[in-house]
Amino acid sequence: MELVKTAGLISLWLVVGLLTPIAIRDRERRLLWLMLVLVAAESTLYRSDVQDPLYSALNGHVVFLGVHIISLIEAVIVLDLLIAITNRPRFRFLAVTAGAAVGLAMLAMYYFSRPIAPTVSVPPEIPIAYWHTLSVFHTVAHLIAMVMCWRAAAQVRRTMRLSLITLGVGMLLICIPWALNLGWLLTDDTRWLDPIPPIDAVTCLCFALAATPPLAVAGHRRMKSLRALRRLGPLWMDLTTTVPDVVFNSASTGVPMPRRQSFNLHRRLVEIRDAMLTLRSYIGPDALPNIEHYVSDSGLAGVEAKAATTACWIALAVERKKHGEEPHAQTHDLAGFKGGDLDDELDYLLRVARHYRSSLVNSYLDSVKLRA
């Protein structure tokens, strides 16, 4: 069980690290990330192999109280974050006040009991009410957190919904050991403690799974962006070589360029669009009808025909500019893709890029050269 528990904690810290760059740019994922950090920190502090060097380096009273007070703060902040997600600000004061009251009560009970400094293996002799208070607070707080996670899941996007549902299961797994611990304290029957080790073993794994949906989405988007960049590459290279002024870089803008994959893809779309606006001046009044007729004869229709037509006039314009022909006034609407959003434009330009290197465009250019 200890091996599974350690693996779960390592997995939790690993996904926290992977989620960090995503959380910086997204509020919902930032709240999820912060909750996972708090749970990972609390789980780490409750490990004996972590507490042992702390007890050796610091005062035993400080370590003992510090671990419990930090766990109270974790529970309050998790509740506060869930209150923010569910947009119920009136409960924030109640959560903070309850946490502060429980913390002060525990500090008072500890102080007036005057215990000998504890060690990692020898707990202090303090009133049983201290443990009752701590167990009840964590049981109730994490039970409320579980309910709020599942309620919040109905108010967010699909990937975050899966994360919050899994997070709610994790809160339940945290709640159950505290409730079992309370049962042991009230009955002095150690059988209450038997289910705790296997539950603790899988708790961190459950929280690690809560980060899987946003990480999977981010990974899918990254792979999609990489594929799009690769497929747009030949078209973009020809256009920016022919019209180098459209390229955005640190030298041309005077500011450092972000390295995010999404920014690179968006920049490439803008550069292709700007190059098309420049090259359309190399398409004469008779060229577009000829291209449309040529594409129509190939059997293409709809958006594919439009994309193939765009690829043909781009290729023709590139050739004409390379051969030093003079631009002239545009008589056709060659502004490119219209309407929709960035995803629609990307889809259209990917179609154009596919046709740009096709036999259709090559045969069209050959026919233009033959006529010339």
Protein backbone atom coordinates (compact mmCIF):
# COMPACT_ATOMS: atom_id res chain seq x y z
CA MET A 1 0.00 0.00 0.00
CA GLU A 2 2.84 2.38 0.82
CA LEU A 3 4.27 1.93 -2.67
CA VAL A 4 0.91 2.78 -4.27
CA LYS A 5 0.55 5.77 -1.98
CA THR A 6 4.02 7.06 -2.90
CA ALA A 7 3.36 6.50 -6.59
CA GLY A 8 0.09 8.41 -6.27
CA LEU A 9 1.79 11.36 -4.57
CA ILE A 10 4.55 11.46 -7.19
CA SER A 11 1.90 11.31 -9.93
CA LEU A 12 0.00 14.16 -8.31
CA TRP A 13 3.06 16.41 -8.16
CA LEU A 14 3.90 15.45 -11.74
CA VAL A 15 0.50 16.49 -13.10
CA VAL A 16 0.67 19.68 -11.03
CA GLY A 17 3.88 20.52 -12.87
CA LEU A 18 2.40 19.63 -16.26
CA LEU A 19 -0.73 21.67 -15.54
CA THR A 20 1.21 24.79 -14.51
CA PRO A 21 1.69 26.38 -17.98
CA ILE A 22 -1.95 25.66 -18.84
CA ALA A 23 -3.18 27.12 -15.54
CA ILE A 24 -1.34 30.39 -16.13
CA ARG A 25 -3.57 31.18 -19.14
CA ASP A 26 -6.94 29.82 -17.97
CA ARG A 27 -8.83 30.85 -14.82
CA GLU A 28 -10.82 27.63 -14.37
CA ARG A 29 -7.75 25.48 -14.80
CA ARG A 30 -5.82 27.81 -12.48
CA LEU A 31 -8.36 27.14 -9.71
CA LEU A 32 -8.11 23.39 -10.34
CA TRP A 33 -4.30 23.63 -10.30
CA LEU A 34 -4.31 25.49 -6.98
CA MET A 35 -6.60 22.90 -5.38
CA LEU A 36 -4.31 20.10 -6.55
CA VAL A 37 -1.25 21.94 -5.22
CA LEU A 38 -2.91 22.30 -1.81
CA VAL A 39 -3.92 18.63 -1.68
CA ALA A 40 -0.44 17.54 -2.79
CA ALA A 41 1.20 19.78 -0.16
CA GLU A 42 -1.06 18.46 2.61
CA SER A 43 -0.53 14.83 1.57
CA THR A 44 3.22 15.41 1.51
CA LEU A 45 3.28 17.00 4.96
CA TYR A 46 1.40 14.08 6.51
CA ARG A 47 4.08 11.60 5.42
CA SER A 48 6.30 10.40 8.27
CA ASP A 49 9.42 10.45 6.06
CA VAL A 50 8.77 14.15 5.44
CA GLN A 51 7.92 14.98 9.05
CA ASP A 52 10.97 13.16 10.45
CA PRO A 53 13.57 15.70 9.18
CA LEU A 54 11.19 18.53 10.10
CA TYR A 55 10.98 17.34 13.70
CA SER A 56 14.78 17.00 13.74
CA ALA A 57 15.36 20.51 12.40
CA LEU A 58 12.51 22.43 14.06
CA ASN A 59 10.73 22.62 17.38
CA GLY A 60 8.32 19.68 17.77
CA HIS A 61 5.44 21.94 18.81
CA VAL A 62 5.87 24.04 15.66
CA VAL A 63 5.90 21.03 13.36
CA PHE A 64 2.93 19.31 15.01
CA LEU A 65 0.73 22.39 15.06
CA GLY A 66 2.03 23.59 11.71
CA VAL A 67 0.96 20.42 9.90
CA HIS A 68 -2.55 20.61 11.35
CA ILE A 69 -2.98 24.35 10.81
CA ILE A 70 -1.78 24.01 7.22
CA SER A 71 -4.31 21.23 6.68
CA LEU A 72 -7.04 23.55 8.01
CA ILE A 73 -5.89 26.30 5.66
CA GLU A 74 -5.93 23.82 2.77
CA ALA A 75 -9.53 22.85 3.51
CA VAL A 76 -10.64 26.50 3.81
CA ILE A 77 -8.90 27.57 0.60
CA VAL A 78 -10.35 24.60 -1.32
CA LEU A 79 -13.82 25.61 -0.10
CA ASP A 80 -13.10 29.22 -1.03
CA LEU A 81 -12.04 28.22 -4.55
CA LEU A 82 -15.15 26.10 -5.01
CA ILE A 83 -17.26 28.99 -3.74
CA ALA A 84 -15.66 31.14 -6.44
CA ILE A 85 -16.37 28.54 -9.14
CA THR A 86 -20.01 28.15 -8.06
CA ASN A 87 -20.38 31.93 -7.64
CA ARG A 88 -21.66 31.80 -4.06
CA PRO A 89 -19.69 34.62 -2.38
CA ARG A 90 -22.01 34.78 0.65
CA PHE A 91 -20.57 31.45 1.88
CA ARG A 92 -16.98 32.70 1.77
CA PHE A 93 -17.18 34.50 5.11
CA LEU A 94 -18.74 31.42 6.72
CA ALA A 95 -15.96 29.13 5.47
CA VAL A 96 -13.16 31.46 6.55
CA THR A 97 -14.77 32.16 9.93
CA ALA A 98 -15.32 28.46 10.65
CA GLY A 99 -11.72 27.64 9.72
CA ALA A 100 -10.35 30.46 11.87
CA ALA A 101 -12.53 29.46 14.83
CA VAL A 102 -11.44 25.82 14.63
CA GLY A 103 -7.79 26.84 14.30
CA LEU A 104 -7.96 29.14 17.32
CA ALA A 105 -9.77 26.48 19.38
CA MET A 106 -7.10 23.90 18.58
CA LEU A 107 -4.28 26.33 19.39
CA ALA A 108 -5.96 27.18 22.71
CA MET A 109 -6.43 23.52 23.67
CA TYR A 110 -2.84 22.74 22.76
CA TYR A 111 -1.44 25.73 24.64
CA PHE A 112 -3.33 25.13 27.88
CA SER A 113 -2.50 21.40 27.93
CA ARG A 114 1.23 22.26 28.13
CA PRO A 115 2.43 19.04 26.44
CA ILE A 116 6.02 17.89 26.11
CA ALA A 117 7.47 18.59 22.65
CA PRO A 118 6.29 15.75 20.37
CA THR A 119 8.35 13.73 17.91
CA VAL A 120 7.41 11.99 14.69
CA SER A 121 6.68 8.76 16.60
CA VAL A 122 5.47 10.17 19.94
CA PRO A 123 2.43 12.48 19.73
CA PRO A 124 1.82 15.07 22.45
CA GLU A 125 -0.52 14.44 25.38
CA ILE A 126 -3.36 16.80 24.54
CA PRO A 127 -7.13 16.72 25.17
CA ILE A 128 -9.09 14.28 23.05
CA ALA A 129 -11.29 17.24 22.11
CA TYR A 130 -8.38 18.52 19.98
CA TRP A 131 -8.57 15.43 17.78
CA HIS A 132 -12.38 15.52 17.76
CA THR A 133 -12.32 19.12 16.54
CA LEU A 134 -9.75 18.43 13.83
CA SER A 135 -11.53 15.28 12.60
CA VAL A 136 -15.00 16.83 12.58
CA PHE A 137 -13.81 19.92 10.71
CA HIS A 138 -12.05 17.92 8.00
CA THR A 139 -14.96 15.48 7.67
CA VAL A 140 -17.52 18.27 7.25
CA ALA A 141 -15.29 20.55 5.14
CA HIS A 142 -14.33 17.88 2.63
CA LEU A 143 -17.88 16.54 2.50
CA ILE A 144 -19.09 20.03 1.61
CA ALA A 145 -16.22 20.34 -0.89
CA MET A 146 -17.33 17.07 -2.51
CA VAL A 147 -20.90 18.35 -2.93
CA MET A 148 -19.66 21.69 -4.27
CA CYS A 149 -17.37 19.96 -6.78
CA TRP A 150 -20.29 18.02 -8.18
CA ARG A 151 -22.52 21.10 -8.23
CA ALA A 152 -19.78 23.13 -9.92
CA ALA A 153 -19.38 20.40 -12.53
CA ALA A 154 -22.78 21.35 -13.94
CA GLN A 155 -21.65 24.94 -14.55
CA VAL A 156 -18.40 24.48 -16.48
CA ARG A 157 -17.14 23.08 -19.79
CA ARG A 158 -17.05 19.35 -20.49
CA THR A 159 -13.36 18.77 -19.73
CA MET A 160 -13.53 20.78 -16.51
CA ARG A 161 -16.73 18.91 -15.64
CA LEU A 162 -14.87 15.61 -15.71
CA SER A 163 -12.08 17.12 -13.61
CA LEU A 164 -14.49 18.44 -10.99
CA ILE A 165 -16.38 15.15 -10.78
CA THR A 166 -13.09 13.32 -10.21
CA LEU A 167 -12.03 16.03 -7.77
CA GLY A 168 -15.27 15.45 -5.87
CA VAL A 169 -14.44 11.75 -5.60
CA GLY A 170 -11.02 12.75 -4.27
CA MET A 171 -12.65 14.98 -1.65
CA LEU A 172 -14.80 12.02 -0.59
CA LEU A 173 -11.67 9.87 -0.27
CA ILE A 174 -10.12 12.54 1.98
CA CYS A 175 -13.34 12.83 3.99
CA ILE A 176 -13.78 9.10 4.71
CA PRO A 177 -10.48 8.58 6.66
CA TRP A 178 -11.22 11.61 8.84
CA ALA A 179 -14.71 10.24 9.54
CA LEU A 180 -13.26 6.80 10.33
CA ASN A 181 -10.69 8.44 12.59
CA LEU A 182 -13.53 10.22 14.39
CA GLY A 183 -15.33 6.88 14.82
CA TRP A 184 -12.19 5.42 16.39
CA LEU A 185 -11.84 8.41 18.74
CA LEU A 186 -15.46 8.11 19.88
CA THR A 187 -15.53 4.31 20.32
CA ASP A 188 -11.87 3.44 20.97
CA ASP A 189 -12.36 0.55 18.50
CA THR A 190 -9.29 0.26 16.25
CA ARG A 191 -11.28 -1.59 13.58
CA TRP A 192 -12.43 1.84 12.42
CA LEU A 193 -8.85 2.44 11.24
CA ASP A 194 -8.51 -0.69 9.07
CA PRO A 195 -9.93 0.81 5.82
CA ILE A 196 -7.79 3.96 6.04
CA PRO A 197 -4.49 2.68 4.49
CA PRO A 198 -6.06 1.43 1.21
CA ILE A 199 -8.12 4.62 0.92
CA ASP A 200 -5.05 6.78 1.50
CA ALA A 201 -3.17 4.72 -1.08
CA VAL A 202 -5.52 5.66 -3.93
CA THR A 203 -6.47 9.20 -2.88
CA CYS A 204 -3.55 10.96 -4.60
CA LEU A 205 -4.03 8.85 -7.73
CA CYS A 206 -7.63 10.04 -7.86
CA PHE A 207 -6.55 13.68 -7.60
CA ALA A 208 -3.93 13.09 -10.28
CA LEU A 209 -6.70 11.77 -12.54
CA ALA A 210 -8.59 15.03 -11.99
CA ALA A 211 -5.90 16.82 -14.01
CA THR A 212 -6.05 14.32 -16.87
CA PRO A 213 -8.91 15.90 -18.91
CA PRO A 214 -7.35 19.39 -19.26
CA LEU A 215 -3.93 17.86 -19.89
CA ALA A 216 -5.41 15.60 -22.58
CA VAL A 217 -7.15 18.55 -24.22
CA ALA A 218 -3.97 20.63 -24.12
CA GLY A 219 -1.98 17.74 -25.60
CA HIS A 220 -4.55 17.25 -28.36
CA ARG A 221 -4.49 20.96 -29.21
CA ARG A 222 -0.72 20.97 -29.29
CA MET A 223 -0.59 17.98 -31.65
CA LYS A 224 -3.28 19.56 -33.82
CA SER A 225 -1.29 22.81 -33.99
CA LEU A 226 1.90 20.93 -34.86
CA ARG A 227 0.13 19.04 -37.65
CA ALA A 228 -1.36 22.27 -38.99
CA LEU A 229 2.01 24.03 -38.92
CA ARG A 230 3.60 21.15 -40.81
CA ARG A 231 0.83 21.01 -43.43
CA LEU A 232 0.88 24.79 -43.93
CA GLY A 233 4.69 24.78 -44.18
CA PRO A 234 5.20 24.53 -47.99
CA LEU A 235 2.54 27.16 -48.75
CA TRP A 236 3.83 29.48 -46.04
CA MET A 237 7.44 29.04 -47.15
CA ASP A 238 6.70 29.95 -50.77
CA LEU A 239 4.58 32.95 -49.79
CA THR A 240 7.01 34.40 -47.25
CA THR A 241 9.95 33.82 -49.59
CA THR A 242 8.10 35.69 -52.32
CA VAL A 243 6.75 38.41 -49.98
CA PRO A 244 9.26 38.53 -47.08
CA ASP A 245 7.85 41.79 -45.69
CA VAL A 246 4.87 39.96 -44.20
CA VAL A 247 6.99 37.92 -41.76
CA PHE A 248 6.64 38.78 -38.07
CA ASN A 249 9.77 38.23 -35.99
CA SER A 250 11.75 39.95 -33.28
CA ALA A 251 13.83 41.81 -35.87
CA SER A 252 10.83 43.19 -37.77
CA THR A 253 8.64 44.06 -34.76
CA GLY A 254 11.26 45.06 -32.20
CA VAL A 255 9.64 42.88 -29.52
CA PRO A 256 10.34 39.27 -28.58
CA MET A 257 7.93 36.76 -30.11
CA PRO A 258 6.10 34.31 -27.79
CA ARG A 259 7.05 30.67 -28.31
CA ARG A 260 3.63 29.20 -27.66
CA GLN A 261 2.44 26.77 -30.33
CA SER A 262 -0.92 28.52 -30.61
CA PHE A 263 0.77 31.87 -31.23
CA ASN A 264 3.06 30.41 -33.90
CA LEU A 265 0.06 28.95 -35.72
CA HIS A 266 -1.91 32.19 -35.51
CA ARG A 267 1.12 34.14 -36.74
CA ARG A 268 1.50 31.78 -39.69
CA LEU A 269 -2.15 32.28 -40.65
CA VAL A 270 -1.75 36.07 -40.51
CA GLU A 271 1.43 35.94 -42.63
CA ILE A 272 -0.25 33.74 -45.25
CA ARG A 273 -3.25 36.06 -45.37
CA ASP A 274 -1.08 39.18 -45.69
CA ALA A 275 1.00 37.58 -48.45
CA MET A 276 -2.20 36.68 -50.34
CA LEU A 277 -3.35 40.30 -50.11
CA THR A 278 -0.07 41.40 -51.68
CA LEU A 279 0.02 38.73 -54.39
CA ARG A 280 -3.56 39.23 -55.58
CA SER A 281 -2.35 42.27 -57.54
CA TYR A 282 -0.53 39.88 -59.88
CA ILE A 283 -3.77 38.23 -61.04
CA GLY A 284 -5.10 39.84 -64.22
CA PRO A 285 -8.78 40.27 -65.18
CA ASP A 286 -8.91 37.10 -67.27
CA ALA A 287 -6.99 34.82 -64.92
CA LEU A 288 -9.66 34.06 -62.31
CA PRO A 289 -12.40 32.96 -64.75
CA ASN A 290 -9.88 30.70 -66.48
CA ILE A 291 -8.84 29.20 -63.14
CA GLU A 292 -12.46 28.63 -62.07
CA HIS A 293 -13.23 26.95 -65.39
CA TYR A 294 -10.10 24.78 -65.09
CA VAL A 295 -11.02 23.71 -61.54
CA SER A 296 -14.63 23.07 -62.55
CA ASP A 297 -13.47 20.76 -65.32
CA SER A 298 -11.49 18.75 -62.76
CA GLY A 299 -14.74 17.70 -61.05
CA LEU A 300 -14.24 19.59 -57.79
CA ALA A 301 -17.17 21.46 -56.26
CA GLY A 302 -18.11 23.50 -53.21
CA VAL A 303 -15.46 24.48 -50.72
CA GLU A 304 -12.90 22.15 -52.31
CA ALA A 305 -13.32 23.93 -55.63
CA LYS A 306 -12.93 27.29 -53.93
CA ALA A 307 -9.78 26.13 -52.10
CA ALA A 308 -8.31 24.70 -55.32
CA THR A 309 -9.07 27.96 -57.13
CA THR A 310 -7.30 29.91 -54.39
CA ALA A 311 -4.31 27.56 -54.57
CA CYS A 312 -4.11 28.01 -58.35
CA TRP A 313 -4.15 31.81 -58.32
CA ILE A 314 -1.63 31.90 -55.44
CA ALA A 315 0.73 29.64 -57.40
CA LEU A 316 0.25 31.76 -60.52
CA ALA A 317 0.86 35.00 -58.61
CA VAL A 318 4.03 33.59 -57.02
CA GLU A 319 5.37 32.63 -60.45
CA ARG A 320 4.55 36.01 -61.94
CA LYS A 321 6.19 37.92 -59.10
CA LYS A 322 9.28 35.71 -59.31
CA HIS A 323 9.55 36.51 -63.02
CA GLY A 324 9.38 40.23 -62.35
CA GLU A 325 5.95 40.98 -63.76
CA GLU A 326 4.35 44.24 -62.71
CA PRO A 327 1.32 44.24 -60.37
CA HIS A 328 -1.90 45.85 -61.54
CA ALA A 329 -5.25 46.88 -60.13
CA GLN A 330 -7.33 44.01 -58.81
CA THR A 331 -10.61 43.45 -60.63
CA HIS A 332 -11.75 40.33 -58.77
CA ASP A 333 -12.54 39.73 -55.11
CA LEU A 334 -9.51 37.75 -53.99
CA ALA A 335 -9.62 38.72 -50.32
CA GLY A 336 -9.52 35.04 -49.41
CA PHE A 337 -11.55 33.35 -46.68
CA LYS A 338 -14.51 35.29 -45.30
CA GLY A 339 -16.65 34.74 -42.24
CA GLY A 340 -16.40 32.12 -39.52
CA ASP A 341 -13.77 32.01 -36.82
CA LEU A 342 -10.08 31.18 -36.63
CA ASP A 343 -10.75 27.43 -36.76
CA ASP A 344 -12.79 27.86 -39.95
CA GLU A 345 -10.03 29.92 -41.54
CA LEU A 346 -7.43 27.35 -40.54
CA ASP A 347 -9.52 24.56 -42.06
CA TYR A 348 -9.87 26.51 -45.29
CA LEU A 349 -6.15 27.34 -45.56
CA LEU A 350 -5.25 23.73 -44.86
CA ARG A 351 -7.39 22.79 -47.87
CA VAL A 352 -5.60 25.46 -49.91
CA ALA A 353 -2.21 24.15 -48.75
CA ARG A 354 -3.17 20.60 -49.74
CA HIS A 355 -4.18 21.69 -53.24
CA TYR A 356 -1.16 23.99 -53.55
CA ARG A 357 1.18 21.02 -53.95
CA SER A 358 -1.29 18.93 -55.94
CA SER A 359 -1.09 17.77 -59.54
CA LEU A 360 -4.07 20.00 -60.32
CA VAL A 361 -2.15 23.20 -59.55
CA ASN A 362 1.01 21.92 -61.27
CA SER A 363 -0.92 21.02 -64.42
CA TYR A 364 -2.63 24.42 -64.35
CA LEU A 365 0.72 26.22 -64.19
CA ASP A 366 1.99 24.04 -67.05
CA SER A 367 -1.06 24.97 -69.15
CA VAL A 368 -0.48 28.67 -68.43
CA LYS A 369 3.16 28.34 -69.55
CA LEU A 370 2.07 26.53 -72.73
CA ARG A 371 -0.42 29.29 -73.56
CA ALA A 372 2.27 31.90 -72.85
